[in-house]
Amino acid sequence: MSRYQEITPSALQTMQAAGALQLVDVRNDDEVSRGIISGAKHIVLNDLPMRWNELGDDTPIVVYCHSGVRSAHACMYLAEQGFTALFNLQGGIMAWGQAGLPFVAKV
């Protein structure tokens, strides 16, 4: 059984509106330079073992990448660190964009 759940772009948008989540972008710097989902924290997947402690454990975490593969690996890693409310954005930022949802410049 998976230790995280898949989430659709529309479900993520609903969670964002409720305001109770941590959004983590695990893409590389060059990918993020093209745009990021508003409110996302950028932690490159390779840096996650050194930076996972920057995430609070009391709020659901939604992880995304380009297509959903790297973020699935990130969710598995975070589950090993004890996080329980984990979500992987199905289809990654590609699916988010295909749904017509907005991007912002990385701050």
Protein backbone atom coordinates (compact mmCIF):
# COMPACT_ATOMS: atom_id res chain seq x y z
CA MET A 1 0.00 0.00 0.00
CA SER A 2 1.23 3.46 -0.90
CA ARG A 3 2.28 5.78 1.91
CA TYR A 4 1.05 8.82 0.00
CA GLN A 5 -1.98 9.73 -2.09
CA GLU A 6 -2.25 10.99 -5.64
CA ILE A 7 -3.98 14.34 -6.03
CA THR A 8 -5.40 15.98 -9.16
CA PRO A 9 -4.71 19.59 -10.12
CA SER A 10 -8.31 20.57 -9.31
CA ALA A 11 -8.12 18.88 -5.89
CA LEU A 12 -4.85 20.73 -5.23
CA GLN A 13 -6.51 24.02 -6.18
CA THR A 14 -9.28 23.25 -3.65
CA MET A 15 -6.68 22.48 -0.95
CA GLN A 16 -4.87 25.73 -1.75
CA ALA A 17 -8.10 27.69 -1.34
CA ALA A 18 -8.54 26.10 2.11
CA GLY A 19 -4.99 27.23 2.91
CA ALA A 20 -3.92 24.20 4.91
CA LEU A 21 -1.00 22.70 3.00
CA GLN A 22 2.71 22.83 2.27
CA LEU A 23 3.48 22.79 -1.45
CA VAL A 24 6.92 21.51 -2.44
CA ASP A 25 8.43 21.76 -5.93
CA VAL A 26 11.23 19.21 -6.37
CA ARG A 27 12.22 20.21 -9.92
CA ASN A 28 15.68 21.44 -10.89
CA ASP A 29 16.53 25.16 -10.89
CA ASP A 30 16.31 25.48 -14.68
CA GLU A 31 12.79 23.99 -14.66
CA VAL A 32 11.62 26.25 -11.85
CA SER A 33 12.92 29.32 -13.69
CA ARG A 34 10.03 28.81 -16.14
CA GLY A 35 7.42 29.17 -13.40
CA ILE A 36 6.25 27.69 -10.12
CA ILE A 37 2.86 27.11 -8.51
CA SER A 38 2.05 29.99 -6.18
CA GLY A 39 3.07 29.31 -2.58
CA ALA A 40 5.43 26.44 -3.41
CA LYS A 41 8.71 25.92 -1.60
CA HIS A 42 11.49 24.90 -3.98
CA ILE A 43 13.61 22.00 -2.76
CA VAL A 44 15.48 20.19 -5.54
CA LEU A 45 14.91 16.44 -5.17
CA ASN A 46 18.63 15.77 -4.63
CA ASP A 47 18.62 18.28 -1.74
CA LEU A 48 15.63 16.75 0.03
CA PRO A 49 17.74 14.51 2.35
CA MET A 50 19.46 17.65 3.67
CA ARG A 51 16.38 19.90 3.75
CA TRP A 52 13.36 17.76 4.69
CA ASN A 53 13.52 19.16 8.23
CA GLU A 54 12.40 22.53 6.80
CA LEU A 55 8.92 21.01 6.42
CA GLY A 56 6.46 21.02 9.29
CA ASP A 57 4.94 17.68 10.17
CA ASP A 58 1.50 18.94 11.18
CA THR A 59 0.31 20.19 7.77
CA PRO A 60 -0.39 18.11 4.64
CA ILE A 61 2.43 18.19 2.10
CA VAL A 62 1.77 18.22 -1.66
CA VAL A 63 4.86 17.47 -3.75
CA TYR A 64 5.17 18.05 -7.49
CA CYS A 65 7.72 17.88 -10.28
CA HIS A 66 7.46 17.99 -14.07
CA SER A 67 5.42 14.82 -14.63
CA GLY A 68 4.89 13.22 -11.20
CA VAL A 69 7.73 10.67 -11.13
CA ARG A 70 10.35 12.55 -9.08
CA SER A 71 7.67 13.84 -6.72
CA ALA A 72 6.51 10.25 -6.12
CA HIS A 73 10.09 9.41 -5.08
CA ALA A 74 10.08 12.49 -2.82
CA CYS A 75 6.82 11.35 -1.21
CA MET A 76 8.29 7.90 -0.54
CA TYR A 77 11.37 9.49 1.03
CA LEU A 78 9.28 11.84 3.20
CA ALA A 79 7.14 8.90 4.33
CA GLU A 80 10.35 7.17 5.49
CA GLN A 81 11.09 10.29 7.57
CA GLY A 82 7.74 9.92 9.34
CA PHE A 83 5.50 12.27 7.39
CA THR A 84 1.98 10.91 6.97
CA ALA A 85 -0.18 13.50 5.16
CA LEU A 86 1.59 13.25 1.79
CA PHE A 87 0.18 13.93 -1.66
CA ASN A 88 1.77 13.63 -5.11
CA LEU A 89 0.41 15.90 -7.86
CA GLN A 90 -0.74 13.51 -10.59
CA GLY A 91 0.92 14.42 -13.87
CA GLY A 92 3.04 17.08 -12.18
CA ILE A 93 3.21 20.68 -13.28
CA MET A 94 2.44 19.53 -16.85
CA ALA A 95 -1.05 18.46 -15.73
CA TRP A 96 -1.41 21.70 -13.74
CA GLY A 97 -0.64 23.73 -16.88
CA GLN A 98 -2.87 21.57 -19.08
CA ALA A 99 -5.72 22.29 -16.66
CA GLY A 100 -5.18 26.00 -17.37
CA LEU A 101 -4.05 26.75 -13.83
CA PRO A 102 -1.63 29.64 -13.13
CA PHE A 103 2.12 29.79 -12.61
CA VAL A 104 4.14 32.55 -10.96
CA ALA A 105 7.80 33.55 -11.13
CA LYS A 106 9.95 32.00 -8.40
CA VAL A 107 10.54 34.45 -5.57
